[in-house]
PDB file of N, CA and C in Angstrom:
ATOM      1  N   MET A   1      23.321 -94.190 133.165  1.00  0.00           N
ATOM      2  CA  MET A   1      22.271 -95.099 133.610  1.00  0.00           C
ATOM      3  C   MET A   1      21.429 -94.361 134.654  1.00  0.00           C
ATOM      4  N   SER A   2      20.125 -94.365 134.457  1.00  0.00           N
ATOM      5  CA  SER A   2      19.229 -93.710 135.412  1.00  0.00           C
ATOM      6  C   SER A   2      19.260 -94.470 136.749  1.00  0.00           C
ATOM      7  N   PRO A   3      18.856 -93.805 137.835  1.00  0.00           N
ATOM      8  CA  PRO A   3      18.824 -94.500 139.131  1.00  0.00           C
ATOM      9  C   PRO A   3      17.947 -95.756 139.126  1.00  0.00           C
ATOM     10  N   SER A   4      16.800 -95.703 138.459  1.00  0.00           N
ATOM     11  CA  SER A   4      15.940 -96.902 138.428  1.00  0.00           C
ATOM     12  C   SER A   4      16.598 -98.018 137.631  1.00  0.00           C
ATOM     13  N   ALA A   5      17.229 -97.674 136.524  1.00  0.00           N
ATOM     14  CA  ALA A   5      17.926 -98.686 135.728  1.00  0.00           C
ATOM     15  C   ALA A   5      19.094 -99.277 136.523  1.00  0.00           C
ATOM     16  N   LYS A   6      19.782 -98.426 137.264  1.00  0.00           N
ATOM     17  CA  LYS A   6      20.897 -98.905 138.087  1.00  0.00           C
ATOM     18  C   LYS A   6      20.401 -99.880 139.150  1.00  0.00           C
ATOM     19  N   SER A   7      19.243 -99.588 139.744  1.00  0.00           N
ATOM     20  CA  SER A   7      18.708-100.480 140.779  1.00  0.00           C
ATOM     21  C   SER A   7      18.392-101.857 140.206  1.00  0.00           C
ATOM     22  N   VAL A   8      17.857-101.888 138.992  1.00  0.00           N
ATOM     23  CA  VAL A   8      17.543-103.163 138.346  1.00  0.00           C
ATOM     24  C   VAL A   8      18.829-103.876 137.920  1.00  0.00           C
ATOM     25  N   PHE A   9      19.794-103.121 137.437  1.00  0.00           N
ATOM     26  CA  PHE A   9      21.092-103.691 137.062  1.00  0.00           C
ATOM     27  C   PHE A   9      21.754-104.352 138.278  1.00  0.00           C
ATOM     28  N   VAL A  10      21.779-103.640 139.403  1.00  0.00           N
ATOM     29  CA  VAL A  10      22.395-104.182 140.620  1.00  0.00           C
ATOM     30  C   VAL A  10      21.647-105.424 141.084  1.00  0.00           C
ATOM     31  N   PHE A  11      20.321-105.390 141.027  1.00  0.00           N
ATOM     32  CA  PHE A  11      19.548-106.570 141.416  1.00  0.00           C
ATOM     33  C   PHE A  11      19.863-107.747 140.486  1.00  0.00           C
ATOM     34  N   GLY A  12      20.044-107.455 139.203  1.00  0.00           N
ATOM     35  CA  GLY A  12      20.432-108.503 138.258  1.00  0.00           C
ATOM     36  C   GLY A  12      21.774-109.119 138.613  1.00  0.00           C
ATOM     37  N   CYS A  13      22.715-108.295 139.041  1.00  0.00           N
ATOM     38  CA  CYS A  13      24.021-108.819 139.474  1.00  0.00           C
ATOM     39  C   CYS A  13      23.858-109.722 140.693  1.00  0.00           C
ATOM     40  N   TYR A  14      22.993-109.310 141.623  1.00  0.00           N
ATOM     41  CA  TYR A  14      22.694-110.157 142.785  1.00  0.00           C
ATOM     42  C   TYR A  14      22.132-111.510 142.332  1.00  0.00           C
ATOM     43  N   LEU A  15      21.204-111.484 141.382  1.00  0.00           N
ATOM     44  CA  LEU A  15      20.629-112.738 140.885  1.00  0.00           C
ATOM     45  C   LEU A  15      21.691-113.611 140.228  1.00  0.00           C
ATOM     46  N   LEU A  16      22.599-113.008 139.489  1.00  0.00           N
ATOM     47  CA  LEU A  16      23.686-113.775 138.881  1.00  0.00           C
ATOM     48  C   LEU A  16      24.535-114.431 139.966  1.00  0.00           C
ATOM     49  N   LEU A  17      24.848-113.669 141.004  1.00  0.00           N
ATOM     50  CA  LEU A  17      25.663-114.202 142.091  1.00  0.00           C
ATOM     51  C   LEU A  17      24.937-115.283 142.886  1.00  0.00           C
ATOM     52  N   LEU A  18      23.633-115.219 142.938  1.00  0.00           N
ATOM     53  CA  LEU A  18      22.837-116.244 143.613  1.00  0.00           C
ATOM     54  C   LEU A  18      22.649-117.467 142.725  1.00  0.00           C
ATOM     55  N   GLY A  19      22.426-117.236 141.440  1.00  0.00           N
ATOM     56  CA  GLY A  19      22.142-118.329 140.517  1.00  0.00           C
ATOM     57  C   GLY A  19      23.326-119.254 140.270  1.00  0.00           C
ATOM     58  N   ILE A  20      24.524-118.698 140.219  1.00  0.00           N
ATOM     59  CA  ILE A  20      25.709-119.522 139.922  1.00  0.00           C
ATOM     60  C   ILE A  20      25.918-120.625 140.960  1.00  0.00           C
ATOM     61  N   PRO A  21      25.952-120.309 142.264  1.00  0.00           N
ATOM     62  CA  PRO A  21      26.122-121.418 143.215  1.00  0.00           C
ATOM     63  C   PRO A  21      24.922-122.363 143.266  1.00  0.00           C
ATOM     64  N   LEU A  22      23.716-121.848 143.040  1.00  0.00           N
ATOM     65  CA  LEU A  22      22.555-122.748 143.014  1.00  0.00           C
ATOM     66  C   LEU A  22      22.674-123.746 141.865  1.00  0.00           C
ATOM     67  N   LEU A  23      23.243-123.313 140.777  1.00  0.00           N
ATOM     68  CA  LEU A  23      23.415-124.187 139.619  1.00  0.00           C
ATOM     69  C   LEU A  23      24.597-125.141 139.795  1.00  0.00           C
ATOM     70  N   LEU A  24      25.722-124.620 140.258  1.00  0.00           N
ATOM     71  CA  LEU A  24      26.955-125.410 140.272  1.00  0.00           C
ATOM     72  C   LEU A  24      27.230-126.162 141.569  1.00  0.00           C
ATOM     73  N   ALA A  25      26.875-125.571 142.710  1.00  0.00           N
ATOM     74  CA  ALA A  25      27.145-126.201 144.008  1.00  0.00           C
ATOM     75  C   ALA A  25      26.022-125.850 144.981  1.00  0.00           C
ATOM     76  N   PRO A  26      24.817-126.325 144.698  1.00  0.00           N
ATOM     77  CA  PRO A  26      23.651-125.878 145.488  1.00  0.00           C
ATOM     78  C   PRO A  26      23.726-126.205 146.970  1.00  0.00           C
ATOM     79  N   ASN A  27      24.333-127.316 147.322  1.00  0.00           N
ATOM     80  CA  ASN A  27      24.340-127.692 148.733  1.00  0.00           C
ATOM     81  C   ASN A  27      25.156-126.731 149.593  1.00  0.00           C
ATOM     82  N   LEU A  28      26.156-126.089 149.023  1.00  0.00           N
ATOM     83  CA  LEU A  28      26.908-125.088 149.785  1.00  0.00           C
ATOM     84  C   LEU A  28      26.000-123.930 150.190  1.00  0.00           C
ATOM     85  N   LEU A  29      25.211-123.460 149.244  1.00  0.00           N
ATOM     86  CA  LEU A  29      24.309-122.350 149.531  1.00  0.00           C
ATOM     87  C   LEU A  29      23.154-122.799 150.426  1.00  0.00           C
ATOM     88  N   LEU A  30      22.631-123.977 150.190  1.00  0.00           N
ATOM     89  CA  LEU A  30      21.550-124.485 151.033  1.00  0.00           C
ATOM     90  C   LEU A  30      21.999-124.574 152.489  1.00  0.00           C
ATOM     91  N   GLU A  31      23.227-125.027 152.704  1.00  0.00           N
ATOM     92  CA  GLU A  31      23.759-125.155 154.069  1.00  0.00           C
ATOM     93  C   GLU A  31      23.860-123.791 154.749  1.00  0.00           C
ATOM     94  N   VAL A  32      24.302-122.781 154.018  1.00  0.00           N
ATOM     95  CA  VAL A  32      24.425-121.432 154.578  1.00  0.00           C
ATOM     96  C   VAL A  32      23.080-120.940 155.111  1.00  0.00           C
ATOM     97  N   PHE A  33      21.998-121.273 154.414  1.00  0.00           N
ATOM     98  CA  PHE A  33      20.676-120.808 154.811  1.00  0.00           C
ATOM     99  C   PHE A  33      19.916-121.829 155.660  1.00  0.00           C
ATOM    100  N   GLY A  34      20.586-122.879 156.085  1.00  0.00           N
ATOM    101  CA  GLY A  34      19.983-123.829 157.003  1.00  0.00           C
ATOM    102  C   GLY A  34      19.021-124.820 156.379  1.00  0.00           C
ATOM    103  N   PHE A  35      19.118-125.016 155.078  1.00  0.00           N
ATOM    104  CA  PHE A  35      18.274-125.991 154.401  1.00  0.00           C
ATOM    105  C   PHE A  35      19.031-127.298 154.250  1.00  0.00           C
ATOM    106  N   PRO A  36      18.334-128.418 154.255  1.00  0.00           N
ATOM    107  CA  PRO A  36      19.024-129.703 154.125  1.00  0.00           C
ATOM    108  C   PRO A  36      19.620-129.867 152.723  1.00  0.00           C
ATOM    109  N   PRO A  37      20.726-130.583 152.640  1.00  0.00           N
ATOM    110  CA  PRO A  37      21.312-130.836 151.321  1.00  0.00           C
ATOM    111  C   PRO A  37      20.381-131.703 150.480  1.00  0.00           C
ATOM    112  N   THR A  38      20.563-131.615 149.190  1.00  0.00           N
ATOM    113  CA  THR A  38      19.714-132.391 148.281  1.00  0.00           C
ATOM    114  C   THR A  38      20.526-132.883 147.101  1.00  0.00           C
ATOM    115  N   GLN A  39      20.076-133.965 146.542  1.00  0.00           N
ATOM    116  CA  GLN A  39      20.651-134.466 145.297  1.00  0.00           C
ATOM    117  C   GLN A  39      19.665-134.297 144.145  1.00  0.00           C
ATOM    118  N   GLU A  40      18.512-133.710 144.458  1.00  0.00           N
ATOM    119  CA  GLU A  40      17.493-133.471 143.436  1.00  0.00           C
ATOM    120  C   GLU A  40      17.996-132.458 142.410  1.00  0.00           C
ATOM    121  N   VAL A  41      17.581-132.616 141.188  1.00  0.00           N
ATOM    122  CA  VAL A  41      18.001-131.706 140.129  1.00  0.00           C
ATOM    123  C   VAL A  41      17.252-130.369 140.200  1.00  0.00           C
ATOM    124  N   TRP A  42      16.121-130.326 140.916  1.00  0.00           N
ATOM    125  CA  TRP A  42      15.277-129.131 140.922  1.00  0.00           C
ATOM    126  C   TRP A  42      16.000-127.893 141.413  1.00  0.00           C
ATOM    127  N   ILE A  43      16.837-128.036 142.413  1.00  0.00           N
ATOM    128  CA  ILE A  43      17.533-126.860 142.930  1.00  0.00           C
ATOM    129  C   ILE A  43      18.478-126.291 141.872  1.00  0.00           C
ATOM    130  N   ARG A  44      19.068-127.152 141.064  1.00  0.00           N
ATOM    131  CA  ARG A  44      19.930-126.680 139.973  1.00  0.00           C
ATOM    132  C   ARG A  44      19.101-126.010 138.868  1.00  0.00           C
ATOM    133  N   ILE A  45      17.910-126.526 138.633  1.00  0.00           N
ATOM    134  CA  ILE A  45      17.013-125.891 137.651  1.00  0.00           C
ATOM    135  C   ILE A  45      16.617-124.502 138.148  1.00  0.00           C
ATOM    136  N   VAL A  46      16.327-124.390 139.436  1.00  0.00           N
ATOM    137  CA  VAL A  46      16.024-123.080 140.015  1.00  0.00           C
ATOM    138  C   VAL A  46      17.237-122.159 139.850  1.00  0.00           C
ATOM    139  N   GLY A  47      18.429-122.682 140.090  1.00  0.00           N
ATOM    140  CA  GLY A  47      19.642-121.894 139.915  1.00  0.00           C
ATOM    141  C   GLY A  47      19.792-121.386 138.492  1.00  0.00           C
ATOM    142  N   LEU A  48      19.483-122.244 137.531  1.00  0.00           N
ATOM    143  CA  LEU A  48      19.555-121.843 136.125  1.00  0.00           C
ATOM    144  C   LEU A  48      18.540-120.744 135.828  1.00  0.00           C
ATOM    145  N   LEU A  49      17.331-120.899 136.348  1.00  0.00           N
ATOM    146  CA  LEU A  49      16.303-119.874 136.147  1.00  0.00           C
ATOM    147  C   LEU A  49      16.691-118.545 136.800  1.00  0.00           C
ATOM    148  N   VAL A  50      17.245-118.601 137.993  1.00  0.00           N
ATOM    149  CA  VAL A  50      17.696-117.380 138.672  1.00  0.00           C
ATOM    150  C   VAL A  50      18.818-116.726 137.871  1.00  0.00           C
ATOM    151  N   LEU A  51      19.724-117.528 137.361  1.00  0.00           N
ATOM    152  CA  LEU A  51      20.815-117.017 136.530  1.00  0.00           C
ATOM    153  C   LEU A  51      20.270-116.333 135.282  1.00  0.00           C
ATOM    154  N   TYR A  52      19.333-116.960 134.611  1.00  0.00           N
ATOM    155  CA  TYR A  52      18.738-116.371 133.407  1.00  0.00           C
ATOM    156  C   TYR A  52      17.975-115.087 133.730  1.00  0.00           C
ATOM    157  N   LEU A  53      17.234-115.087 134.842  1.00  0.00           N
ATOM    158  CA  LEU A  53      16.552-113.856 135.257  1.00  0.00           C
ATOM    159  C   LEU A  53      17.566-112.743 135.510  1.00  0.00           C
ATOM    160  N   GLY A  54      18.687-113.100 136.105  1.00  0.00           N
ATOM    161  CA  GLY A  54      19.743-112.126 136.338  1.00  0.00           C
ATOM    162  C   GLY A  54      20.233-111.498 135.049  1.00  0.00           C
ATOM    163  N   VAL A  55      20.370-112.316 134.009  1.00  0.00           N
ATOM    164  CA  VAL A  55      20.788-111.793 132.703  1.00  0.00           C
ATOM    165  C   VAL A  55      19.761-110.786 132.196  1.00  0.00           C
ATOM    166  N   TYR A  56      18.479-111.117 132.310  1.00  0.00           N
ATOM    167  CA  TYR A  56      17.425-110.197 131.858  1.00  0.00           C
ATOM    168  C   TYR A  56      17.458-108.880 132.636  1.00  0.00           C
ATOM    169  N   TYR A  57      17.625-108.965 133.935  1.00  0.00           N
ATOM    170  CA  TYR A  57      17.670-107.758 134.758  1.00  0.00           C
ATOM    171  C   TYR A  57      18.871-106.887 134.391  1.00  0.00           C
ATOM    172  N   VAL A  58      20.026-107.508 134.233  1.00  0.00           N
ATOM    173  CA  VAL A  58      21.225-106.754 133.866  1.00  0.00           C
ATOM    174  C   VAL A  58      21.023-106.057 132.527  1.00  0.00           C
ATOM    175  N   LEU A  59      20.522-106.789 131.551  1.00  0.00           N
ATOM    176  CA  LEU A  59      20.301-106.192 130.229  1.00  0.00           C
ATOM    177  C   LEU A  59      19.239-105.096 130.264  1.00  0.00           C
ATOM    178  N   ALA A  60      18.157-105.310 130.991  1.00  0.00           N
ATOM    179  CA  ALA A  60      17.100-104.296 131.086  1.00  0.00           C
ATOM    180  C   ALA A  60      17.624-103.035 131.745  1.00  0.00           C
ATOM    181  N   GLY A  61      18.454-103.193 132.754  1.00  0.00           N
ATOM    182  CA  GLY A  61      19.040-102.032 133.403  1.00  0.00           C
ATOM    183  C   GLY A  61      19.991-101.295 132.471  1.00  0.00           C
ATOM    184  N   ARG A  62      20.849-102.029 131.803  1.00  0.00           N
ATOM    185  CA  ARG A  62      21.819-101.387 130.896  1.00  0.00           C
ATOM    186  C   ARG A  62      21.149-100.702 129.722  1.00  0.00           C
ATOM    187  N   LYS A  63      20.051-101.273 129.243  1.00  0.00           N
ATOM    188  CA  LYS A  63      19.355-100.720 128.073  1.00  0.00           C
ATOM    189  C   LYS A  63      18.212 -99.781 128.450  1.00  0.00           C
ATOM    190  N   GLU A  64      18.024 -99.553 129.766  1.00  0.00           N
ATOM    191  CA  GLU A  64      16.976 -98.636 130.240  1.00  0.00           C
ATOM    192  C   GLU A  64      15.580 -99.032 129.724  1.00  0.00           C
ATOM    193  N   ILE A  65      15.256-100.289 129.833  1.00  0.00           N
ATOM    194  CA  ILE A  65      13.957-100.769 129.360  1.00  0.00           C
ATOM    195  C   ILE A  65      12.920-100.452 130.435  1.00  0.00           C
ATOM    196  N   ARG A  66      12.270 -99.299 130.261  1.00  0.00           N
ATOM    197  CA  ARG A  66      11.405 -98.731 131.292  1.00  0.00           C
ATOM    198  C   ARG A  66      10.227 -99.636 131.651  1.00  0.00           C
ATOM    199  N   ALA A  67       9.613-100.258 130.670  1.00  0.00           N
ATOM    200  CA  ALA A  67       8.464-101.121 130.975  1.00  0.00           C
ATOM    201  C   ALA A  67       8.898-102.284 131.870  1.00  0.00           C
ATOM    202  N   PHE A  68      10.034-102.865 131.583  1.00  0.00           N
ATOM    203  CA  PHE A  68      10.545-103.962 132.398  1.00  0.00           C
ATOM    204  C   PHE A  68      10.884-103.465 133.796  1.00  0.00           C
ATOM    205  N   ILE A  69      11.587-102.336 133.859  1.00  0.00           N
ATOM    206  CA  ILE A  69      11.998-101.777 135.149  1.00  0.00           C
ATOM    207  C   ILE A  69      10.773-101.535 136.030  1.00  0.00           C
ATOM    208  N   SER A  70       9.737-100.928 135.475  1.00  0.00           N
ATOM    209  CA  SER A  70       8.512-100.663 136.239  1.00  0.00           C
ATOM    210  C   SER A  70       7.814-101.949 136.662  1.00  0.00           C
ATOM    211  N   ALA A  71       7.785-102.925 135.776  1.00  0.00           N
ATOM    212  CA  ALA A  71       7.094-104.188 136.069  1.00  0.00           C
ATOM    213  C   ALA A  71       7.769-104.969 137.190  1.00  0.00           C
ATOM    214  N   THR A  72       9.061-104.750 137.399  1.00  0.00           N
ATOM    215  CA  THR A  72       9.756-105.506 138.444  1.00  0.00           C
ATOM    216  C   THR A  72       9.323-105.112 139.846  1.00  0.00           C
ATOM    217  N   VAL A  73       8.805-103.909 140.013  1.00  0.00           N
ATOM    218  CA  VAL A  73       8.487-103.428 141.370  1.00  0.00           C
ATOM    219  C   VAL A  73       7.428-104.302 142.052  1.00  0.00           C
ATOM    220  N   PRO A  74       6.224-104.449 141.490  1.00  0.00           N
ATOM    221  CA  PRO A  74       5.239-105.284 142.198  1.00  0.00           C
ATOM    222  C   PRO A  74       5.626-106.765 142.222  1.00  0.00           C
ATOM    223  N   VAL A  75       6.296-107.213 141.188  1.00  0.00           N
ATOM    224  CA  VAL A  75       6.687-108.628 141.153  1.00  0.00           C
ATOM    225  C   VAL A  75       7.685-108.926 142.272  1.00  0.00           C
ATOM    226  N   ARG A  76       8.729-108.121 142.382  1.00  0.00           N
ATOM    227  CA  ARG A  76       9.726-108.353 143.436  1.00  0.00           C
ATOM    228  C   ARG A  76       9.142-108.108 144.817  1.00  0.00           C
ATOM    229  N   ALA A  77       8.251-107.136 144.942  1.00  0.00           N
ATOM    230  CA  ALA A  77       7.630-106.870 146.245  1.00  0.00           C
ATOM    231  C   ALA A  77       6.780-108.052 146.703  1.00  0.00           C
ATOM    232  N   SER A  78       6.231-108.806 145.773  1.00  0.00           N
ATOM    233  CA  SER A  78       5.370-109.932 146.132  1.00  0.00           C
ATOM    234  C   SER A  78       6.146-111.169 146.592  1.00  0.00           C
ATOM    235  N   VAL A  79       7.415-111.226 146.325  1.00  0.00           N
ATOM    236  CA  VAL A  79       8.203-112.419 146.677  1.00  0.00           C
ATOM    237  C   VAL A  79       8.152-112.675 148.180  1.00  0.00           C
ATOM    238  N   LEU A  80       8.404-111.649 148.981  1.00  0.00           N
ATOM    239  CA  LEU A  80       8.393-111.836 150.432  1.00  0.00           C
ATOM    240  C   LEU A  80       7.004-112.241 150.924  1.00  0.00           C
ATOM    241  N   LEU A  81       5.964-111.724 150.296  1.00  0.00           N
ATOM    242  CA  LEU A  81       4.601-112.107 150.659  1.00  0.00           C
ATOM    243  C   LEU A  81       4.400-113.613 150.456  1.00  0.00           C
ATOM    244  N   PHE A  82       4.777-114.111 149.293  1.00  0.00           N
ATOM    245  CA  PHE A  82       4.607-115.538 149.022  1.00  0.00           C
ATOM    246  C   PHE A  82       5.505-116.393 149.914  1.00  0.00           C
ATOM    247  N   PHE A  83       6.738-115.954 150.122  1.00  0.00           N
ATOM    248  CA  PHE A  83       7.623-116.688 151.024  1.00  0.00           C
ATOM    249  C   PHE A  83       7.019-116.740 152.425  1.00  0.00           C
ATOM    250  N   SER A  84       6.401-115.645 152.859  1.00  0.00           N
ATOM    251  CA  SER A  84       5.761-115.612 154.177  1.00  0.00           C
ATOM    252  C   SER A  84       4.595-116.591 154.261  1.00  0.00           C
ATOM    253  N   ILE A  85       3.838-116.686 153.199  1.00  0.00           N
ATOM    254  CA  ILE A  85       2.733-117.657 153.153  1.00  0.00           C
ATOM    255  C   ILE A  85       3.271-119.079 153.253  1.00  0.00           C
ATOM    256  N   PHE A  86       4.350-119.363 152.534  1.00  0.00           N
ATOM    257  CA  PHE A  86       4.960-120.698 152.589  1.00  0.00           C
ATOM    258  C   PHE A  86       5.433-121.011 154.012  1.00  0.00           C
ATOM    259  N   VAL A  87       6.050-120.031 154.663  1.00  0.00           N
ATOM    260  CA  VAL A  87       6.537-120.226 156.034  1.00  0.00           C
ATOM    261  C   VAL A  87       5.357-120.391 156.989  1.00  0.00           C
ATOM    262  N   ALA A  88       4.338-119.553 156.856  1.00  0.00           N
ATOM    263  CA  ALA A  88       3.167-119.617 157.742  1.00  0.00           C
ATOM    264  C   ALA A  88       2.441-120.951 157.640  1.00  0.00           C
ATOM    265  N   ASN A  89       2.502-121.569 156.486  1.00  0.00           N
ATOM    266  CA  ASN A  89       1.861-122.875 156.282  1.00  0.00           C
ATOM    267  C   ASN A  89       2.818-124.034 156.534  1.00  0.00           C
ATOM    268  N   ALA A  90       3.947-123.734 157.167  1.00  0.00           N
ATOM    269  CA  ALA A  90       4.953-124.741 157.541  1.00  0.00           C
ATOM    270  C   ALA A  90       5.434-125.563 156.353  1.00  0.00           C
ATOM    271  N   MET A  91       5.473-124.923 155.198  1.00  0.00           N
ATOM    272  CA  MET A  91       5.943-125.608 153.994  1.00  0.00           C
ATOM    273  C   MET A  91       7.465-125.521 153.855  1.00  0.00           C
ATOM    274  N   VAL A  92       8.065-124.550 154.562  1.00  0.00           N
ATOM    275  CA  VAL A  92       9.491-124.306 154.409  1.00  0.00           C
ATOM    276  C   VAL A  92      10.009-123.609 155.662  1.00  0.00           C
ATOM    277  N   SER A  93      11.319-123.654 155.834  1.00  0.00           N
ATOM    278  CA  SER A  93      11.971-123.011 156.971  1.00  0.00           C
ATOM    279  C   SER A  93      11.821-121.490 156.901  1.00  0.00           C
ATOM    280  N   PRO A  94      11.691-120.840 158.060  1.00  0.00           N
ATOM    281  CA  PRO A  94      11.637-119.374 158.082  1.00  0.00           C
ATOM    282  C   PRO A  94      12.886-118.709 157.479  1.00  0.00           C
ATOM    283  N   MET A  95      13.956-119.435 157.331  1.00  0.00           N
ATOM    284  CA  MET A  95      15.168-118.882 156.720  1.00  0.00           C
ATOM    285  C   MET A  95      14.909-118.416 155.286  1.00  0.00           C
ATOM    286  N   LEU A  96      13.858-118.941 154.671  1.00  0.00           N
ATOM    287  CA  LEU A  96      13.532-118.512 153.314  1.00  0.00           C
ATOM    288  C   LEU A  96      13.224-117.013 153.281  1.00  0.00           C
ATOM    289  N   LEU A  97      12.726-116.486 154.388  1.00  0.00           N
ATOM    290  CA  LEU A  97      12.404-115.063 154.440  1.00  0.00           C
ATOM    291  C   LEU A  97      13.646-114.195 154.224  1.00  0.00           C
ATOM    292  N   VAL A  98      14.794-114.690 154.649  1.00  0.00           N
ATOM    293  CA  VAL A  98      16.048-113.960 154.430  1.00  0.00           C
ATOM    294  C   VAL A  98      16.304-113.789 152.934  1.00  0.00           C
ATOM    295  N   LEU A  99      15.979-114.802 152.158  1.00  0.00           N
ATOM    296  CA  LEU A  99      16.171-114.716 150.708  1.00  0.00           C
ATOM    297  C   LEU A  99      15.149-113.804 150.041  1.00  0.00           C
ATOM    298  N   GLY A 100      14.049-113.533 150.705  1.00  0.00           N
ATOM    299  CA  GLY A 100      13.047-112.634 150.152  1.00  0.00           C
ATOM    300  C   GLY A 100      13.323-111.162 150.431  1.00  0.00           C
ATOM    301  N   LEU A 101      14.152-110.878 151.414  1.00  0.00           N
ATOM    302  CA  LEU A 101      14.440-109.487 151.762  1.00  0.00           C
ATOM    303  C   LEU A 101      15.098-108.696 150.630  1.00  0.00           C
ATOM    304  N   PRO A 102      16.094-109.248 149.935  1.00  0.00           N
ATOM    305  CA  PRO A 102      16.673-108.473 148.823  1.00  0.00           C
ATOM    306  C   PRO A 102      15.640-108.114 147.754  1.00  0.00           C
ATOM    307  N   ASP A 103      14.673-108.977 147.533  1.00  0.00           N
ATOM    308  CA  ASP A 103      13.620-108.673 146.558  1.00  0.00           C
ATOM    309  C   ASP A 103      12.808-107.468 147.009  1.00  0.00           C
ATOM    310  N   LEU A 104      12.394-107.477 148.273  1.00  0.00           N
ATOM    311  CA  LEU A 104      11.592-106.368 148.792  1.00  0.00           C
ATOM    312  C   LEU A 104      12.390-105.065 148.811  1.00  0.00           C
ATOM    313  N   LEU A 105      13.614-105.131 149.295  1.00  0.00           N
ATOM    314  CA  LEU A 105      14.455-103.933 149.352  1.00  0.00           C
ATOM    315  C   LEU A 105      14.777-103.418 147.954  1.00  0.00           C
ATOM    316  N   GLY A 106      15.051-104.328 147.031  1.00  0.00           N
ATOM    317  CA  GLY A 106      15.319-103.925 145.650  1.00  0.00           C
ATOM    318  C   GLY A 106      14.091-103.304 144.998  1.00  0.00           C
ATOM    319  N   ALA A 107      12.924-103.860 145.273  1.00  0.00           N
ATOM    320  CA  ALA A 107      11.688-103.300 144.727  1.00  0.00           C
ATOM    321  C   ALA A 107      11.467-101.891 145.262  1.00  0.00           C
ATOM    322  N   PHE A 108      11.718-101.706 146.551  1.00  0.00           N
ATOM    323  CA  PHE A 108      11.555-100.379 147.140  1.00  0.00           C
ATOM    324  C   PHE A 108      12.540 -99.388 146.519  1.00  0.00           C
ATOM    325  N   TRP A 109      13.778 -99.816 146.320  1.00  0.00           N
ATOM    326  CA  TRP A 109      14.793 -98.962 145.710  1.00  0.00           C
ATOM    327  C   TRP A 109      14.345 -98.530 144.307  1.00  0.00           C
ATOM    328  N   THR A 110      13.895 -99.487 143.516  1.00  0.00           N
ATOM    329  CA  THR A 110      13.452 -99.183 142.157  1.00  0.00           C
ATOM    330  C   THR A 110      12.226 -98.276 142.177  1.00  0.00           C
ATOM    331  N   TRP A 111      11.256 -98.567 143.047  1.00  0.00           N
ATOM    332  CA  TRP A 111      10.050 -97.741 143.154  1.00  0.00           C
ATOM    333  C   TRP A 111      10.415 -96.303 143.508  1.00  0.00           C
ATOM    334  N   GLN A 112      11.294 -96.149 144.490  1.00  0.00           N
ATOM    335  CA  GLN A 112      11.722 -94.808 144.919  1.00  0.00           C
ATOM    336  C   GLN A 112      12.423 -94.084 143.775  1.00  0.00           C
ATOM    337  N   ALA A 113      13.286 -94.780 143.056  1.00  0.00           N
ATOM    338  CA  ALA A 113      14.006 -94.161 141.937  1.00  0.00           C
ATOM    339  C   ALA A 113      13.036 -93.750 140.831  1.00  0.00           C
ATOM    340  N   LEU A 114      12.084 -94.615 140.502  1.00  0.00           N
ATOM    341  CA  LEU A 114      11.094 -94.276 139.483  1.00  0.00           C
ATOM    342  C   LEU A 114      10.270 -93.055 139.895  1.00  0.00           C
ATOM    343  N   ARG A 115       9.877 -93.026 141.140  1.00  0.00           N
ATOM    344  CA  ARG A 115       9.097 -91.893 141.643  1.00  0.00           C
ATOM    345  C   ARG A 115       9.906 -90.593 141.550  1.00  0.00           C
ATOM    346  N   ASN A 116      11.166 -90.649 141.965  1.00  0.00           N
ATOM    347  CA  ASN A 116      12.017 -89.462 141.900  1.00  0.00           C
ATOM    348  C   ASN A 116      12.245 -89.022 140.457  1.00  0.00           C
ATOM    349  N   GLU A 117      12.374 -89.972 139.537  1.00  0.00           N
ATOM    350  CA  GLU A 117      12.563 -89.642 138.132  1.00  0.00           C
ATOM    351  C   GLU A 117      11.315 -88.991 137.546  1.00  0.00           C
ATOM    352  N   ARG A 118      10.131 -89.472 137.950  1.00  0.00           N
ATOM    353  CA  ARG A 118       8.873 -88.857 137.488  1.00  0.00           C
ATOM    354  C   ARG A 118       8.736 -87.420 137.993  1.00  0.00           C
ATOM    355  N   VAL A 119       9.085 -87.220 139.258  1.00  0.00           N
ATOM    356  CA  VAL A 119       9.018 -85.873 139.841  1.00  0.00           C
ATOM    357  C   VAL A 119       9.987 -84.940 139.112  1.00  0.00           C
ATOM    358  N   ALA A 120      11.200 -85.413 138.899  1.00  0.00           N
ATOM    359  CA  ALA A 120      12.200 -84.586 138.199  1.00  0.00           C
ATOM    360  C   ALA A 120      11.757 -84.258 136.784  1.00  0.00           C
ATOM    361  N   ALA A 121      11.159 -85.233 136.104  1.00  0.00           N
ATOM    362  CA  ALA A 121      10.694 -85.006 134.726  1.00  0.00           C
ATOM    363  C   ALA A 121       9.552 -83.999 134.696  1.00  0.00           C
ATOM    364  N   SER A 122       8.646 -84.080 135.665  1.00  0.00           N
ATOM    365  CA  SER A 122       7.527 -83.132 135.673  1.00  0.00           C
ATOM    366  C   SER A 122       8.008 -81.727 136.043  1.00  0.00           C
ATOM    367  N   LEU A 123       9.002 -81.610 136.896  1.00  0.00           N
ATOM    368  CA  LEU A 123       9.555 -80.293 137.230  1.00  0.00           C
ATOM    369  C   LEU A 123      10.305 -79.710 136.045  1.00  0.00           C
ATOM    370  N   ALA A 124      10.980 -80.560 135.291  1.00  0.00           N
ATOM    371  CA  ALA A 124      11.737 -80.097 134.133  1.00  0.00           C
ATOM    372  C   ALA A 124      10.810 -79.623 133.009  1.00  0.00           C
ATOM    373  N   SER A 125       9.647 -80.230 132.922  1.00  0.00           N
ATOM    374  CA  SER A 125       8.716 -79.845 131.844  1.00  0.00           C
ATOM    375  C   SER A 125       7.824 -78.665 132.231  1.00  0.00           C
ATOM    376  N   ALA A 126       7.853 -78.312 133.503  1.00  0.00           N
ATOM    377  CA  ALA A 126       7.002 -77.194 133.961  1.00  0.00           C
ATOM    378  C   ALA A 126       7.608 -75.842 133.655  1.00  0.00           C
TER     379      ALA A 126
END
């Protein structure tokens, strides 16, 4: 598995680990991050979506799907930006920013790995 594929695979595992409690016991996770408990079904739907995204990330990493791997970089990097906008507009607790950090760090990891792979490929072809 290439370093970029590994970064996406690991991020997919993180999403799986995040999605399962959001789907099955959301209030436990909400409490950890300082959000009020809810009986709304939406948090479980979000958990299901996060779980499904995790499956896609894991599969893309294992299968080295380069287009997907590359596309995740700007998408994941934008998560913290949007979370920051939500916090700045007092729409949500600043604790949401903690959940955006893995996205930004994972995007940076993948970007760095892709860049290093491009450099190595160009040196190998020279």
